[in-house]
Structures are given as C-alpha cells and as structure tokens.
Amino acid sequence: MALRIAIISPNRQAYSETFITDLIAGLQGEKLVLIDGALPTRKADGTPLLAQDLIARLGRAVRQQAFGATTETFQRESVTAALRAHRTQVVIAEYGPTAAAMFPVCKAAGIPLVAHFHGVDAYHQDVLAKHATSYPKMLKGASAVIGVSKEMVRQLVSLGAPVERTHYISCGVDPARFPACRPELAPPGIVAVGRFVEKKGPYLTLLSFQRALAEVPEARLVMIGDGPLLETCRRIAKAMDIEDHVDFAGVLAHDAVQQRLRSARGFAQHSIATAKNDREGRRWPCWKPWPVRCLW
C-alpha cells in the first residue's frame, strides 16, 4: 500500500524553489500538497481549505463573537480536516517555521511530522528569535528533522534537535537532465543561477568575473534570476565597464537553464554568510559543467 504523504509548502509558485518542486515530484506515494503559509490555506490547485459559503462564514463569525475563536483556530481545524480526509500517514513540512506551525496540528492529530530545513530557517537570527519558543518544542517532538548539509545538521542539533532523529539529506539532482558534455570545448562562458538577493552575493560574482575578464577578454557571464538586487547589479556591471560581457537573462524555464549550463565552460557559485548568518553554497545544480566556487 502506498504511503499517504502530505507536503506543506508555504510559498506558492516560487520560481527559485526547484528543490521543493523536485522533491514533491520524486516522492513515491499518495500525495497531498498544501500551500500558502506556514499554516497552509489552500490546496496546490488553489482550492481554499476554509469553506467560503455563507453558512460557513456565519458559523465562524458566531464562534468568534461567542467563544473567542481566532483565525488561527479555523486554519488549524481546516488543515486537520484536510489531513484526515487524505488519511495522511506522515507530514513533510518545508522550512522550519512551517514545521513549527504544523507541529501542534500533527501532534493533536497523531500524525508523524518531518521538519525539512533549507538554510535561512536554520541560521537567520531574526527567524531564530521569532521562533525561540516554538522551535525547541518542534525539534524535540518531530519524528525526523532533515538538514541539507552536514554543517546544517550540526546547527539543528545545537538548536535542540535529537541527534538520533536528525538526518543529512542533500538536495540532489537528476543527472539524466545533464547528459555528458565537453565544457573544455565550450566558449569561455560562465553561468550563475540564483535570486538577486544578499545571501546569493550576485555583486561578488560580478567582481570575480571582472578579474577573470582581465585574463580572458573574450569571456562572458550569464546571470539567470531576478530579485531586488538585479538593477543594482546592472549598474555595477556598467560602472565596471563589463556590461557588454554580462547577460542578465532574467527568470528562465528549467529547460532553458539546463541548456545554458550544458553549453557553458563553467558554473559560478559563491559561498558566504550574510550579516545575519544566513548561509549558502551547499547545493550544486548539476555536476557538469565544472562548478567554480568563489570564496570570500
């Protein structure tokens, strides 16, 4: 009999969260995907978990006025109902805050919870402060805790996760998507993939590329992604007089990203800790072309 799994993913259609969409696609079993918030409010197809008909809304209003029921109360009830309707045997919560919100629901329903951490949720000082009470309870009570790097596993244990229930599982890749290629025969092009945000350090990639360009004048850099630092990086490239060698490709479909990687000489990925201790550099999108780590 197939395992009946519920996956809780707080962000709807986040283009950069391929690691979550790939996880969902690769899981074997009967899957229920709930989205939109740490306490989810919708199914993956957009259907609200809370009934929206007039009678249901009036019933909630009466409970609020008469018994002090809260929006969170209704959300927990709707999530619990969805899990029970699916006959869920295990819940996988993507990100620590999601696991913290789902822990009381799973505990009350008697459903095992797997807390899947990815980075910012294990290190970011603001996140840890916000969940200073809920994290320890969840980490101790979850059936399993997963970190995507060995260093992250150590961090989770230091936060209170039991060693025997804390596991290292990296975010993998399907090598069939990247058939054997010959990067040494490709033109001197480098590809960088990621959101234009502080923890990805896109400006550092530009600074590194400027140094490479001095040695290889025909080199080119393709930067794939979007984010608040995109325009800043455009201005930096112009100020450094390398804009003719840099292609800001924007958000691309997965197939297009894979094609760019297959035809590149190398892949650039920084590894830094931000001012708030958010860490990156733990995953590679493919094993060819050769990855190039830029360390600062």
Protein backbone atom coordinates (compact mmCIF):
# COMPACT_ATOMS: atom_id res chain seq x y z
CA MET A 1 0.00 0.00 0.00
CA ALA A 2 1.35 3.42 -0.98
CA LEU A 3 2.34 5.77 1.82
CA ARG A 4 -0.07 8.68 2.19
CA ILE A 5 2.02 11.84 2.41
CA ALA A 6 1.14 15.48 2.97
CA ILE A 7 3.69 18.12 1.92
CA ILE A 8 3.33 21.61 3.37
CA SER A 9 4.99 24.24 1.17
CA PRO A 10 4.43 27.83 2.33
CA ASN A 11 5.24 29.64 -0.91
CA ARG A 12 3.03 29.37 -3.95
CA GLN A 13 4.85 29.09 -7.29
CA ALA A 14 8.22 30.37 -6.07
CA TYR A 15 10.30 30.04 -9.26
CA SER A 16 13.54 29.53 -7.36
CA GLU A 17 12.29 26.70 -5.15
CA THR A 18 13.03 23.95 -7.64
CA PHE A 19 14.36 21.80 -4.79
CA ILE A 20 10.84 21.64 -3.35
CA THR A 21 9.04 21.01 -6.63
CA ASP A 22 11.56 18.29 -7.47
CA LEU A 23 11.08 16.73 -4.03
CA ILE A 24 7.32 16.63 -4.46
CA ALA A 25 7.63 15.14 -7.94
CA GLY A 26 10.08 12.49 -6.77
CA LEU A 27 8.24 11.30 -3.68
CA GLN A 28 6.53 7.94 -4.06
CA GLY A 29 3.08 7.63 -2.56
CA GLU A 30 -0.33 9.27 -2.42
CA LYS A 31 0.49 12.98 -2.10
CA LEU A 32 -1.47 15.91 -0.74
CA VAL A 33 0.20 19.29 -1.26
CA LEU A 34 -0.94 22.22 0.87
CA ILE A 35 0.36 25.75 0.19
CA ASP A 36 0.16 29.43 1.13
CA GLY A 37 1.53 29.97 4.60
CA ALA A 38 3.20 28.09 7.44
CA LEU A 39 -0.33 27.08 8.36
CA PRO A 40 -1.48 26.46 4.78
CA THR A 41 -4.69 27.96 3.49
CA ARG A 42 -5.04 26.23 0.11
CA LYS A 43 -4.51 23.01 -1.77
CA ALA A 44 -1.99 23.02 -4.60
CA ASP A 45 -4.76 23.62 -7.15
CA GLY A 46 -5.75 26.81 -5.33
CA THR A 47 -8.82 25.43 -3.56
CA PRO A 48 -9.28 27.17 -0.17
CA LEU A 49 -9.17 24.87 2.84
CA LEU A 50 -11.73 27.00 4.66
CA ALA A 51 -15.27 26.75 3.28
CA GLN A 52 -16.33 30.09 1.81
CA ASP A 53 -20.09 29.65 1.57
CA LEU A 54 -22.35 31.99 3.54
CA ILE A 55 -23.32 29.46 6.21
CA ALA A 56 -19.68 28.57 6.92
CA ARG A 57 -18.66 32.23 7.19
CA LEU A 58 -21.58 32.98 9.51
CA GLY A 59 -20.66 29.99 11.66
CA ARG A 60 -17.09 31.25 12.05
CA ALA A 61 -18.34 34.74 12.90
CA VAL A 62 -20.59 33.36 15.63
CA ARG A 63 -17.75 31.31 17.12
CA GLN A 64 -15.50 34.37 17.11
CA GLN A 65 -18.06 36.51 18.90
CA ALA A 66 -19.40 33.90 21.32
CA PHE A 67 -16.35 31.78 22.09
CA GLY A 68 -13.35 33.90 21.10
CA ALA A 69 -12.27 31.60 18.29
CA THR A 70 -9.43 33.04 16.21
CA THR A 71 -8.40 32.89 12.57
CA GLU A 72 -5.58 30.54 13.61
CA THR A 73 -8.15 28.26 15.24
CA PHE A 74 -10.07 27.99 11.98
CA GLN A 75 -6.88 27.47 9.97
CA ARG A 76 -5.73 24.63 12.23
CA GLU A 77 -9.14 23.00 12.00
CA SER A 78 -9.19 23.25 8.21
CA VAL A 79 -5.68 21.82 7.89
CA THR A 80 -6.54 18.98 10.27
CA ALA A 81 -9.68 18.20 8.26
CA ALA A 82 -7.67 18.09 5.02
CA LEU A 83 -5.07 15.78 6.55
CA ARG A 84 -7.72 13.43 7.88
CA ALA A 85 -9.66 13.42 4.61
CA HIS A 86 -6.43 12.36 2.88
CA ARG A 87 -5.83 9.73 5.60
CA THR A 88 -2.36 11.20 5.96
CA GLN A 89 0.32 8.95 7.45
CA VAL A 90 3.19 11.46 7.51
CA VAL A 91 3.54 15.23 7.05
CA ILE A 92 6.64 16.80 5.48
CA ALA A 93 6.92 20.48 6.38
CA GLU A 94 9.17 22.57 4.14
CA TYR A 95 11.17 25.09 6.22
CA GLY A 96 11.46 25.37 9.97
CA PRO A 97 8.71 27.96 10.52
CA THR A 98 6.29 25.72 8.63
CA ALA A 99 7.25 22.77 10.81
CA ALA A 100 6.84 24.91 13.93
CA ALA A 101 3.33 25.93 12.85
CA MET A 102 2.36 22.39 11.86
CA PHE A 103 3.74 20.67 14.96
CA PRO A 104 0.69 21.33 17.22
CA VAL A 105 -1.62 20.23 14.38
CA CYS A 106 0.27 16.99 13.77
CA LYS A 107 0.64 16.29 17.49
CA ALA A 108 -3.11 16.70 18.07
CA ALA A 109 -3.93 14.55 15.04
CA GLY A 110 -1.36 11.87 15.90
CA ILE A 111 0.45 12.23 12.57
CA PRO A 112 4.29 12.00 12.39
CA LEU A 113 5.99 15.24 11.32
CA VAL A 114 9.18 15.55 9.27
CA ALA A 115 10.78 19.02 9.53
CA HIS A 116 12.78 19.83 6.39
CA PHE A 117 15.22 22.75 6.81
CA HIS A 118 16.89 24.52 3.89
CA GLY A 119 19.15 27.32 5.18
CA VAL A 120 17.72 30.66 6.23
CA ASP A 121 15.35 28.84 8.58
CA ALA A 122 18.25 27.26 10.48
CA TYR A 123 20.58 30.26 10.72
CA HIS A 124 18.84 33.61 10.25
CA GLN A 125 18.97 35.43 13.57
CA ASP A 126 15.57 37.06 13.11
CA VAL A 127 13.94 33.69 12.32
CA LEU A 128 15.54 32.02 15.32
CA ALA A 129 14.46 34.86 17.61
CA LYS A 130 10.90 34.78 16.30
CA HIS A 131 10.64 31.04 16.90
CA ALA A 132 12.66 30.89 20.12
CA THR A 133 9.75 29.17 21.87
CA SER A 134 8.23 27.07 19.08
CA TYR A 135 11.47 25.73 17.56
CA PRO A 136 12.67 23.75 20.62
CA LYS A 137 9.26 22.10 21.05
CA MET A 138 9.07 21.20 17.38
CA LEU A 139 12.67 19.98 17.11
CA LYS A 140 12.26 17.71 20.12
CA GLY A 141 8.83 16.44 19.12
CA ALA A 142 9.22 15.93 15.37
CA SER A 143 9.58 12.35 14.17
CA ALA A 144 12.51 13.41 11.97
CA VAL A 145 14.50 16.57 11.26
CA ILE A 146 16.34 16.99 7.95
CA GLY A 147 19.18 19.36 7.08
CA VAL A 148 20.56 19.72 3.56
CA SER A 149 24.20 19.93 4.67
CA LYS A 150 26.25 18.29 7.40
CA GLU A 151 27.04 21.68 8.88
CA MET A 152 23.31 22.44 8.98
CA VAL A 153 22.65 19.16 10.80
CA ARG A 154 25.14 20.23 13.47
CA GLN A 155 23.37 23.59 13.72
CA LEU A 156 19.98 21.90 14.13
CA VAL A 157 21.34 19.65 16.86
CA SER A 158 22.71 22.73 18.63
CA LEU A 159 19.21 24.21 18.47
CA GLY A 160 17.76 21.18 20.25
CA ALA A 161 17.10 18.51 17.62
CA PRO A 162 17.88 14.98 18.91
CA VAL A 163 20.95 13.54 17.19
CA GLU A 164 19.28 10.19 16.54
CA ARG A 165 16.39 11.82 14.69
CA THR A 166 18.34 14.43 12.74
CA HIS A 167 19.45 13.45 9.25
CA TYR A 168 21.59 14.83 6.45
CA ILE A 169 19.88 14.61 3.05
CA SER A 170 21.29 16.89 0.37
CA CYS A 171 19.14 18.46 -2.30
CA GLY A 172 20.07 16.25 -5.21
CA VAL A 173 19.79 16.45 -8.95
CA ASP A 174 18.62 14.14 -11.69
CA PRO A 175 21.80 13.52 -13.74
CA ALA A 176 19.67 12.45 -16.70
CA ARG A 177 18.83 16.13 -17.16
CA PHE A 178 22.51 16.87 -17.78
CA PRO A 179 23.89 14.38 -20.29
CA ALA A 180 27.65 14.18 -20.69
CA CYS A 181 29.08 17.34 -22.17
CA ARG A 182 32.52 18.71 -23.01
CA PRO A 183 32.89 22.01 -21.14
CA GLU A 184 36.53 22.26 -22.16
CA LEU A 185 35.35 22.61 -25.77
CA ALA A 186 32.74 25.27 -25.00
CA PRO A 187 33.36 29.00 -25.47
CA PRO A 188 34.64 30.75 -22.32
CA GLY A 189 31.22 31.40 -20.85
CA ILE A 190 30.27 31.20 -17.17
CA VAL A 191 26.72 30.72 -15.88
CA ALA A 192 25.43 31.88 -12.49
CA VAL A 193 21.93 30.92 -11.34
CA GLY A 194 20.09 32.36 -8.36
CA ARG A 195 17.94 35.11 -6.96
CA PHE A 196 19.44 38.59 -6.85
CA VAL A 197 19.39 38.87 -3.06
CA GLU A 198 22.04 39.48 -0.39
CA LYS A 199 22.66 35.86 0.52
CA LYS A 200 23.34 34.94 -3.12
CA GLY A 201 26.01 37.66 -3.42
CA PRO A 202 25.48 38.43 -7.14
CA TYR A 203 27.70 41.53 -6.91
CA LEU A 204 30.54 39.29 -5.73
CA THR A 205 30.11 37.17 -8.83
CA LEU A 206 30.45 40.33 -10.94
CA LEU A 207 33.61 41.38 -9.10
CA SER A 208 35.11 37.94 -9.62
CA PHE A 209 34.16 37.95 -13.29
CA GLN A 210 35.82 41.34 -13.79
CA ARG A 211 39.10 39.79 -12.64
CA ALA A 212 38.61 36.80 -14.94
CA LEU A 213 37.83 39.11 -17.85
CA ALA A 214 41.19 40.80 -17.44
CA GLU A 215 42.85 37.45 -18.20
CA VAL A 216 40.31 36.14 -20.74
CA PRO A 217 38.97 39.15 -22.69
CA GLU A 218 36.52 37.01 -24.69
CA ALA A 219 34.84 35.59 -21.57
CA ARG A 220 31.12 36.06 -21.00
CA LEU A 221 28.91 35.77 -17.93
CA VAL A 222 25.24 34.79 -17.94
CA MET A 223 23.33 35.60 -14.75
CA ILE A 224 19.94 33.87 -14.50
CA GLY A 225 17.35 35.02 -11.99
CA ASP A 226 15.51 38.02 -10.63
CA GLY A 227 15.31 39.91 -7.37
CA PRO A 228 15.75 43.24 -5.59
CA LEU A 229 19.48 43.50 -6.37
CA LEU A 230 19.08 42.99 -10.13
CA GLU A 231 19.09 46.68 -11.07
CA THR A 232 21.94 47.33 -8.65
CA CYS A 233 23.96 44.62 -10.38
CA ARG A 234 23.17 46.11 -13.78
CA ARG A 235 24.56 49.43 -12.57
CA ILE A 236 27.62 47.73 -11.08
CA ALA A 237 28.34 45.98 -14.39
CA LYS A 238 28.05 49.29 -16.21
CA ALA A 239 30.27 51.09 -13.69
CA MET A 240 32.92 48.38 -14.05
CA ASP A 241 32.67 48.65 -17.85
CA ILE A 242 31.84 44.95 -18.26
CA GLU A 243 28.19 45.29 -19.25
CA ASP A 244 28.90 44.15 -22.83
CA HIS A 245 30.19 40.85 -21.44
CA VAL A 246 27.34 40.18 -18.99
CA ASP A 247 23.92 38.85 -19.95
CA PHE A 248 21.22 39.37 -17.32
CA ALA A 249 18.87 36.68 -18.60
CA GLY A 250 16.07 37.07 -16.04
CA VAL A 251 13.94 34.15 -14.90
CA LEU A 252 14.16 31.21 -17.30
CA ALA A 253 12.25 27.94 -17.53
CA HIS A 254 14.09 24.93 -16.13
CA ASP A 255 14.80 23.51 -19.59
CA ALA A 256 16.35 26.80 -20.68
CA VAL A 257 18.55 26.92 -17.56
CA GLN A 258 19.73 23.38 -18.21
CA GLN A 259 20.58 24.25 -21.81
CA ARG A 260 22.64 27.25 -20.69
CA LEU A 261 24.52 25.05 -18.20
CA ARG A 262 25.20 22.34 -20.77
CA SER A 263 26.73 24.84 -23.19
CA ALA A 264 28.85 26.74 -20.64
CA ARG A 265 32.51 26.41 -19.72
CA GLY A 266 31.75 26.64 -16.02
CA PHE A 267 29.24 27.37 -13.27
CA ALA A 268 29.91 30.08 -10.67
CA GLN A 269 28.50 29.91 -7.14
CA HIS A 270 29.63 31.95 -4.15
CA SER A 271 29.77 30.66 -0.58
CA ILE A 272 29.24 33.33 2.06
CA ALA A 273 27.46 34.02 5.32
CA THR A 274 25.37 37.20 5.36
CA ALA A 275 25.38 39.74 8.15
CA LYS A 276 22.51 37.79 9.72
CA ASN A 277 24.35 34.45 9.46
CA ASP A 278 22.28 33.13 6.57
CA ARG A 279 24.48 30.67 4.68
CA GLU A 280 24.56 29.41 1.14
CA GLY A 281 26.79 27.41 -1.14
CA ARG A 282 25.62 23.95 -0.14
CA ARG A 283 23.97 22.81 -3.39
CA TRP A 284 25.09 22.44 -6.98
CA PRO A 285 22.51 22.41 -9.76
CA CYS A 286 24.47 19.90 -11.81
CA TRP A 287 27.75 18.05 -11.92
CA LYS A 288 28.70 19.29 -15.38
CA PRO A 289 29.98 21.77 -16.42
CA TRP A 290 32.66 22.14 -13.80
CA PRO A 291 31.47 24.07 -10.75
CA VAL A 292 33.55 27.06 -9.71
CA ARG A 293 33.27 28.19 -6.09
CA CYS A 294 34.05 31.80 -5.37
CA LEU A 295 35.01 32.14 -1.69
CA TRP A 296 35.04 35.46 0.17
